[in-house]
Amino acid sequence: GADWGAATTGVAGPDPQDGQPVGTVFVAVAGPGGPARVASLLLAGDRTAIRRASVAAVLDLLVEQLQKTSE
């Protein structure tokens, strides 16, 4: 099994979806010892740029949470 989980969802484009504008993204991480952390983002750029920024954001959030648990 896994101790940590990371997730992304949102609208990378090219069109809005369900009333949400392109660039609306949510990232989350969950692990032992605390509640899940969720962040909402409004990113700019084309589909590829939004997807890359989403991955970078969720990985940054994961690193932040890993550092907190190792303190």
PDB file of N, CA and C in Angstrom:
ATOM      1  N   GLY A   1       0.815  -1.187   0.000  1.00  0.00           N
ATOM      2  CA  GLY A   1       0.000   0.000   0.000  1.00  0.00           C
ATOM      3  C   GLY A   1       0.857   1.248   0.000  1.00  0.00           C
ATOM      4  N   ALA A   2       0.208   2.346  -0.138  1.00  0.00           N
ATOM      5  CA  ALA A   2       0.872   3.649  -0.181  1.00  0.00           C
ATOM      6  C   ALA A   2       0.622   4.408   1.112  1.00  0.00           C
ATOM      7  N   ASP A   3       1.608   5.180   1.536  1.00  0.00           N
ATOM      8  CA  ASP A   3       1.453   6.054   2.699  1.00  0.00           C
ATOM      9  C   ASP A   3       0.963   7.442   2.306  1.00  0.00           C
ATOM     10  N   TRP A   4       1.254   7.855   1.094  1.00  0.00           N
ATOM     11  CA  TRP A   4       0.897   9.191   0.618  1.00  0.00           C
ATOM     12  C   TRP A   4       0.132   9.087  -0.694  1.00  0.00           C
ATOM     13  N   GLY A   5      -0.761  10.029  -0.904  1.00  0.00           N
ATOM     14  CA  GLY A   5      -1.490  10.127  -2.160  1.00  0.00           C
ATOM     15  C   GLY A   5      -1.467  11.558  -2.659  1.00  0.00           C
ATOM     16  N   ALA A   6      -1.442  11.720  -3.960  1.00  0.00           N
ATOM     17  CA  ALA A   6      -1.466  13.047  -4.580  1.00  0.00           C
ATOM     18  C   ALA A   6      -2.497  13.024  -5.702  1.00  0.00           C
ATOM     19  N   ALA A   7      -3.212  14.138  -5.867  1.00  0.00           N
ATOM     20  CA  ALA A   7      -4.263  14.191  -6.883  1.00  0.00           C
ATOM     21  C   ALA A   7      -4.342  15.569  -7.514  1.00  0.00           C
ATOM     22  N   THR A   8      -4.739  15.581  -8.772  1.00  0.00           N
ATOM     23  CA  THR A   8      -5.019  16.830  -9.482  1.00  0.00           C
ATOM     24  C   THR A   8      -6.333  16.668 -10.233  1.00  0.00           C
ATOM     25  N   THR A   9      -7.051  17.750 -10.359  1.00  0.00           N
ATOM     26  CA  THR A   9      -8.235  17.786 -11.205  1.00  0.00           C
ATOM     27  C   THR A   9      -8.441  19.226 -11.639  1.00  0.00           C
ATOM     28  N   GLY A  10      -9.114  19.399 -12.743  1.00  0.00           N
ATOM     29  CA  GLY A  10      -9.377  20.759 -13.183  1.00  0.00           C
ATOM     30  C   GLY A  10      -9.632  20.840 -14.671  1.00  0.00           C
ATOM     31  N   VAL A  11      -9.531  22.057 -15.168  1.00  0.00           N
ATOM     32  CA  VAL A  11      -9.838  22.359 -16.565  1.00  0.00           C
ATOM     33  C   VAL A  11      -8.568  22.865 -17.247  1.00  0.00           C
ATOM     34  N   ALA A  12      -7.949  21.998 -18.043  1.00  0.00           N
ATOM     35  CA  ALA A  12      -6.730  22.380 -18.752  1.00  0.00           C
ATOM     36  C   ALA A  12      -7.031  23.010 -20.109  1.00  0.00           C
ATOM     37  N   GLY A  13      -8.263  22.911 -20.563  1.00  0.00           N
ATOM     38  CA  GLY A  13      -8.634  23.521 -21.828  1.00  0.00           C
ATOM     39  C   GLY A  13      -8.666  22.503 -22.950  1.00  0.00           C
ATOM     40  N   PRO A  14      -8.972  22.942 -24.105  1.00  0.00           N
ATOM     41  CA  PRO A  14      -9.003  24.341 -24.540  1.00  0.00           C
ATOM     42  C   PRO A  14     -10.300  25.084 -24.217  1.00  0.00           C
ATOM     43  N   ASP A  15     -11.348  24.371 -23.779  1.00  0.00           N
ATOM     44  CA  ASP A  15     -12.637  25.018 -23.533  1.00  0.00           C
ATOM     45  C   ASP A  15     -12.999  24.952 -22.055  1.00  0.00           C
ATOM     46  N   PRO A  16     -13.805  25.910 -21.570  1.00  0.00           N
ATOM     47  CA  PRO A  16     -14.321  25.824 -20.196  1.00  0.00           C
ATOM     48  C   PRO A  16     -15.129  24.533 -20.028  1.00  0.00           C
ATOM     49  N   GLN A  17     -15.294  24.117 -18.785  1.00  0.00           N
ATOM     50  CA  GLN A  17     -16.028  22.877 -18.517  1.00  0.00           C
ATOM     51  C   GLN A  17     -16.923  23.068 -17.299  1.00  0.00           C
ATOM     52  N   ASP A  18     -18.181  22.731 -17.431  1.00  0.00           N
ATOM     53  CA  ASP A  18     -19.151  22.807 -16.328  1.00  0.00           C
ATOM     54  C   ASP A  18     -19.139  24.169 -15.639  1.00  0.00           C
ATOM     55  N   GLY A  19     -19.004  25.227 -16.427  1.00  0.00           N
ATOM     56  CA  GLY A  19     -19.023  26.576 -15.883  1.00  0.00           C
ATOM     57  C   GLY A  19     -17.710  27.042 -15.281  1.00  0.00           C
ATOM     58  N   GLN A  20     -16.690  26.198 -15.320  1.00  0.00           N
ATOM     59  CA  GLN A  20     -15.380  26.562 -14.771  1.00  0.00           C
ATOM     60  C   GLN A  20     -14.470  27.031 -15.906  1.00  0.00           C
ATOM     61  N   PRO A  21     -13.772  28.150 -15.695  1.00  0.00           N
ATOM     62  CA  PRO A  21     -12.886  28.644 -16.749  1.00  0.00           C
ATOM     63  C   PRO A  21     -11.637  27.775 -16.904  1.00  0.00           C
ATOM     64  N   VAL A  22     -11.062  27.844 -18.079  1.00  0.00           N
ATOM     65  CA  VAL A  22      -9.794  27.163 -18.340  1.00  0.00           C
ATOM     66  C   VAL A  22      -8.764  27.670 -17.336  1.00  0.00           C
ATOM     67  N   GLY A  23      -8.011  26.758 -16.771  1.00  0.00           N
ATOM     68  CA  GLY A  23      -6.982  27.103 -15.791  1.00  0.00           C
ATOM     69  C   GLY A  23      -7.409  26.874 -14.354  1.00  0.00           C
ATOM     70  N   THR A  24      -8.689  26.549 -14.133  1.00  0.00           N
ATOM     71  CA  THR A  24      -9.157  26.221 -12.786  1.00  0.00           C
ATOM     72  C   THR A  24      -8.646  24.832 -12.429  1.00  0.00           C
ATOM     73  N   VAL A  25      -7.838  24.753 -11.377  1.00  0.00           N
ATOM     74  CA  VAL A  25      -7.200  23.489 -11.005  1.00  0.00           C
ATOM     75  C   VAL A  25      -7.254  23.325  -9.486  1.00  0.00           C
ATOM     76  N   PHE A  26      -7.425  22.099  -9.049  1.00  0.00           N
ATOM     77  CA  PHE A  26      -7.348  21.750  -7.634  1.00  0.00           C
ATOM     78  C   PHE A  26      -6.291  20.666  -7.485  1.00  0.00           C
ATOM     79  N   VAL A  27      -5.431  20.818  -6.479  1.00  0.00           N
ATOM     80  CA  VAL A  27      -4.417  19.813  -6.177  1.00  0.00           C
ATOM     81  C   VAL A  27      -4.569  19.419  -4.713  1.00  0.00           C
ATOM     82  N   ALA A  28      -4.230  18.178  -4.404  1.00  0.00           N
ATOM     83  CA  ALA A  28      -4.357  17.706  -3.027  1.00  0.00           C
ATOM     84  C   ALA A  28      -3.322  16.631  -2.739  1.00  0.00           C
ATOM     85  N   VAL A  29      -2.914  16.572  -1.474  1.00  0.00           N
ATOM     86  CA  VAL A  29      -2.074  15.480  -0.989  1.00  0.00           C
ATOM     87  C   VAL A  29      -2.635  15.007   0.345  1.00  0.00           C
ATOM     88  N   ALA A  30      -2.496  13.727   0.598  1.00  0.00           N
ATOM     89  CA  ALA A  30      -2.943  13.151   1.863  1.00  0.00           C
ATOM     90  C   ALA A  30      -1.911  12.137   2.313  1.00  0.00           C
ATOM     91  N   GLY A  31      -1.687  12.125   3.608  1.00  0.00           N
ATOM     92  CA  GLY A  31      -0.727  11.190   4.165  1.00  0.00           C
ATOM     93  C   GLY A  31      -1.008  10.941   5.626  1.00  0.00           C
ATOM     94  N   PRO A  32      -0.123  10.195   6.256  1.00  0.00           N
ATOM     95  CA  PRO A  32      -0.323   9.871   7.658  1.00  0.00           C
ATOM     96  C   PRO A  32      -0.155  11.104   8.547  1.00  0.00           C
ATOM     97  N   GLY A  33      -0.864  11.101   9.643  1.00  0.00           N
ATOM     98  CA  GLY A  33      -0.629  12.130  10.645  1.00  0.00           C
ATOM     99  C   GLY A  33      -1.338  13.442  10.448  1.00  0.00           C
ATOM    100  N   GLY A  34      -2.329  13.504   9.600  1.00  0.00           N
ATOM    101  CA  GLY A  34      -3.024  14.773   9.454  1.00  0.00           C
ATOM    102  C   GLY A  34      -4.050  14.746   8.355  1.00  0.00           C
ATOM    103  N   PRO A  35      -4.836  15.809   8.278  1.00  0.00           N
ATOM    104  CA  PRO A  35      -5.855  15.882   7.229  1.00  0.00           C
ATOM    105  C   PRO A  35      -5.225  16.140   5.858  1.00  0.00           C
ATOM    106  N   ALA A  36      -5.974  15.862   4.821  1.00  0.00           N
ATOM    107  CA  ALA A  36      -5.518  16.145   3.457  1.00  0.00           C
ATOM    108  C   ALA A  36      -5.342  17.644   3.292  1.00  0.00           C
ATOM    109  N   ARG A  37      -4.373  18.030   2.480  1.00  0.00           N
ATOM    110  CA  ARG A  37      -4.157  19.430   2.126  1.00  0.00           C
ATOM    111  C   ARG A  37      -4.646  19.623   0.705  1.00  0.00           C
ATOM    112  N   VAL A  38      -5.457  20.645   0.500  1.00  0.00           N
ATOM    113  CA  VAL A  38      -6.039  20.939  -0.806  1.00  0.00           C
ATOM    114  C   VAL A  38      -5.730  22.382  -1.161  1.00  0.00           C
ATOM    115  N   ALA A  39      -5.389  22.622  -2.415  1.00  0.00           N
ATOM    116  CA  ALA A  39      -5.155  23.984  -2.894  1.00  0.00           C
ATOM    117  C   ALA A  39      -5.920  24.181  -4.197  1.00  0.00           C
ATOM    118  N   SER A  40      -6.522  25.355  -4.342  1.00  0.00           N
ATOM    119  CA  SER A  40      -7.175  25.710  -5.603  1.00  0.00           C
ATOM    120  C   SER A  40      -6.305  26.735  -6.308  1.00  0.00           C
ATOM    121  N   LEU A  41      -6.207  26.592  -7.614  1.00  0.00           N
ATOM    122  CA  LEU A  41      -5.334  27.438  -8.421  1.00  0.00           C
ATOM    123  C   LEU A  41      -6.100  27.952  -9.630  1.00  0.00           C
ATOM    124  N   LEU A  42      -5.682  29.098 -10.122  1.00  0.00           N
ATOM    125  CA  LEU A  42      -6.165  29.598 -11.404  1.00  0.00           C
ATOM    126  C   LEU A  42      -4.924  29.858 -12.248  1.00  0.00           C
ATOM    127  N   LEU A  43      -4.638  28.936 -13.149  1.00  0.00           N
ATOM    128  CA  LEU A  43      -3.410  28.957 -13.936  1.00  0.00           C
ATOM    129  C   LEU A  43      -3.653  29.533 -15.322  1.00  0.00           C
ATOM    130  N   ALA A  44      -2.602  30.093 -15.888  1.00  0.00           N
ATOM    131  CA  ALA A  44      -2.681  30.678 -17.226  1.00  0.00           C
ATOM    132  C   ALA A  44      -1.842  29.851 -18.192  1.00  0.00           C
ATOM    133  N   GLY A  45      -2.158  29.971 -19.467  1.00  0.00           N
ATOM    134  CA  GLY A  45      -1.382  29.305 -20.497  1.00  0.00           C
ATOM    135  C   GLY A  45      -2.230  28.340 -21.302  1.00  0.00           C
ATOM    136  N   ASP A  46      -1.553  27.642 -22.209  1.00  0.00           N
ATOM    137  CA  ASP A  46      -2.254  26.647 -23.015  1.00  0.00           C
ATOM    138  C   ASP A  46      -2.395  25.346 -22.219  1.00  0.00           C
ATOM    139  N   ARG A  47      -3.016  24.367 -22.828  1.00  0.00           N
ATOM    140  CA  ARG A  47      -3.292  23.095 -22.150  1.00  0.00           C
ATOM    141  C   ARG A  47      -2.024  22.465 -21.572  1.00  0.00           C
ATOM    142  N   THR A  48      -0.963  22.449 -22.348  1.00  0.00           N
ATOM    143  CA  THR A  48       0.295  21.847 -21.888  1.00  0.00           C
ATOM    144  C   THR A  48       0.864  22.607 -20.700  1.00  0.00           C
ATOM    145  N   ALA A  49       0.853  23.926 -20.760  1.00  0.00           N
ATOM    146  CA  ALA A  49       1.386  24.739 -19.662  1.00  0.00           C
ATOM    147  C   ALA A  49       0.577  24.537 -18.383  1.00  0.00           C
ATOM    148  N   ILE A  50      -0.731  24.455 -18.515  1.00  0.00           N
ATOM    149  CA  ILE A  50      -1.589  24.251 -17.341  1.00  0.00           C
ATOM    150  C   ILE A  50      -1.339  22.872 -16.739  1.00  0.00           C
ATOM    151  N   ARG A  51      -1.200  21.874 -17.555  1.00  0.00           N
ATOM    152  CA  ARG A  51      -0.929  20.522 -17.040  1.00  0.00           C
ATOM    153  C   ARG A  51       0.425  20.468 -16.344  1.00  0.00           C
ATOM    154  N   ARG A  52       1.427  21.088 -16.922  1.00  0.00           N
ATOM    155  CA  ARG A  52       2.759  21.107 -16.295  1.00  0.00           C
ATOM    156  C   ARG A  52       2.730  21.850 -14.966  1.00  0.00           C
ATOM    157  N   ALA A  53       2.065  22.992 -14.938  1.00  0.00           N
ATOM    158  CA  ALA A  53       1.981  23.776 -13.702  1.00  0.00           C
ATOM    159  C   ALA A  53       1.194  23.027 -12.628  1.00  0.00           C
ATOM    160  N   SER A  54       0.198  22.263 -13.029  1.00  0.00           N
ATOM    161  CA  SER A  54      -0.579  21.462 -12.077  1.00  0.00           C
ATOM    162  C   SER A  54       0.295  20.400 -11.422  1.00  0.00           C
ATOM    163  N   VAL A  55       1.088  19.715 -12.224  1.00  0.00           N
ATOM    164  CA  VAL A  55       1.996  18.693 -11.694  1.00  0.00           C
ATOM    165  C   VAL A  55       3.020  19.334 -10.761  1.00  0.00           C
ATOM    166  N   ALA A  56       3.593  20.458 -11.167  1.00  0.00           N
ATOM    167  CA  ALA A  56       4.569  21.147 -10.313  1.00  0.00           C
ATOM    168  C   ALA A  56       3.935  21.556  -8.987  1.00  0.00           C
ATOM    169  N   ALA A  57       2.701  22.043  -9.031  1.00  0.00           N
ATOM    170  CA  ALA A  57       2.026  22.494  -7.812  1.00  0.00           C
ATOM    171  C   ALA A  57       1.756  21.336  -6.861  1.00  0.00           C
ATOM    172  N   VAL A  58       1.291  20.206  -7.370  1.00  0.00           N
ATOM    173  CA  VAL A  58       0.999  19.085  -6.473  1.00  0.00           C
ATOM    174  C   VAL A  58       2.291  18.487  -5.918  1.00  0.00           C
ATOM    175  N   LEU A  59       3.355  18.478  -6.699  1.00  0.00           N
ATOM    176  CA  LEU A  59       4.632  17.984  -6.185  1.00  0.00           C
ATOM    177  C   LEU A  59       5.198  18.927  -5.130  1.00  0.00           C
ATOM    178  N   ASP A  60       5.062  20.233  -5.333  1.00  0.00           N
ATOM    179  CA  ASP A  60       5.494  21.202  -4.314  1.00  0.00           C
ATOM    180  C   ASP A  60       4.724  20.999  -3.017  1.00  0.00           C
ATOM    181  N   LEU A  61       3.423  20.787  -3.120  1.00  0.00           N
ATOM    182  CA  LEU A  61       2.592  20.563  -1.939  1.00  0.00           C
ATOM    183  C   LEU A  61       3.006  19.268  -1.235  1.00  0.00           C
ATOM    184  N   LEU A  62       3.313  18.240  -1.995  1.00  0.00           N
ATOM    185  CA  LEU A  62       3.757  16.978  -1.412  1.00  0.00           C
ATOM    186  C   LEU A  62       5.078  17.156  -0.670  1.00  0.00           C
ATOM    187  N   VAL A  63       6.032  17.828  -1.278  1.00  0.00           N
ATOM    188  CA  VAL A  63       7.325  18.071  -0.627  1.00  0.00           C
ATOM    189  C   VAL A  63       7.123  18.857   0.664  1.00  0.00           C
ATOM    190  N   GLU A  64       6.283  19.878   0.624  1.00  0.00           N
ATOM    191  CA  GLU A  64       5.991  20.682   1.816  1.00  0.00           C
ATOM    192  C   GLU A  64       5.456  19.795   2.945  1.00  0.00           C
ATOM    193  N   GLN A  65       4.517  18.913   2.621  1.00  0.00           N
ATOM    194  CA  GLN A  65       3.929  18.040   3.635  1.00  0.00           C
ATOM    195  C   GLN A  65       4.937  17.002   4.138  1.00  0.00           C
ATOM    196  N   LEU A  66       5.765  16.478   3.261  1.00  0.00           N
ATOM    197  CA  LEU A  66       6.796  15.527   3.677  1.00  0.00           C
ATOM    198  C   LEU A  66       7.789  16.182   4.627  1.00  0.00           C
ATOM    199  N   GLN A  67       8.160  17.418   4.343  1.00  0.00           N
ATOM    200  CA  GLN A  67       9.089  18.131   5.220  1.00  0.00           C
ATOM    201  C   GLN A  67       8.468  18.380   6.589  1.00  0.00           C
ATOM    202  N   LYS A  68       7.185  18.696   6.631  1.00  0.00           N
ATOM    203  CA  LYS A  68       6.511  18.925   7.912  1.00  0.00           C
ATOM    204  C   LYS A  68       6.465  17.657   8.755  1.00  0.00           C
ATOM    205  N   THR A  69       6.273  16.513   8.115  1.00  0.00           N
ATOM    206  CA  THR A  69       6.174  15.271   8.885  1.00  0.00           C
ATOM    207  C   THR A  69       7.533  14.771   9.347  1.00  0.00           C
ATOM    208  N   SER A  70       8.616  15.238   8.710  1.00  0.00           N
ATOM    209  CA  SER A  70       9.951  14.786   9.110  1.00  0.00           C
ATOM    210  C   SER A  70      10.557  15.681  10.185  1.00  0.00           C
ATOM    211  N   GLU A  71       9.880  16.763  10.534  1.00  0.00           N
ATOM    212  CA  GLU A  71      10.409  17.688  11.554  1.00  0.00           C
ATOM    213  C   GLU A  71      10.193  17.153  12.947  1.00  0.00           C
TER     214      GLU A  71
END
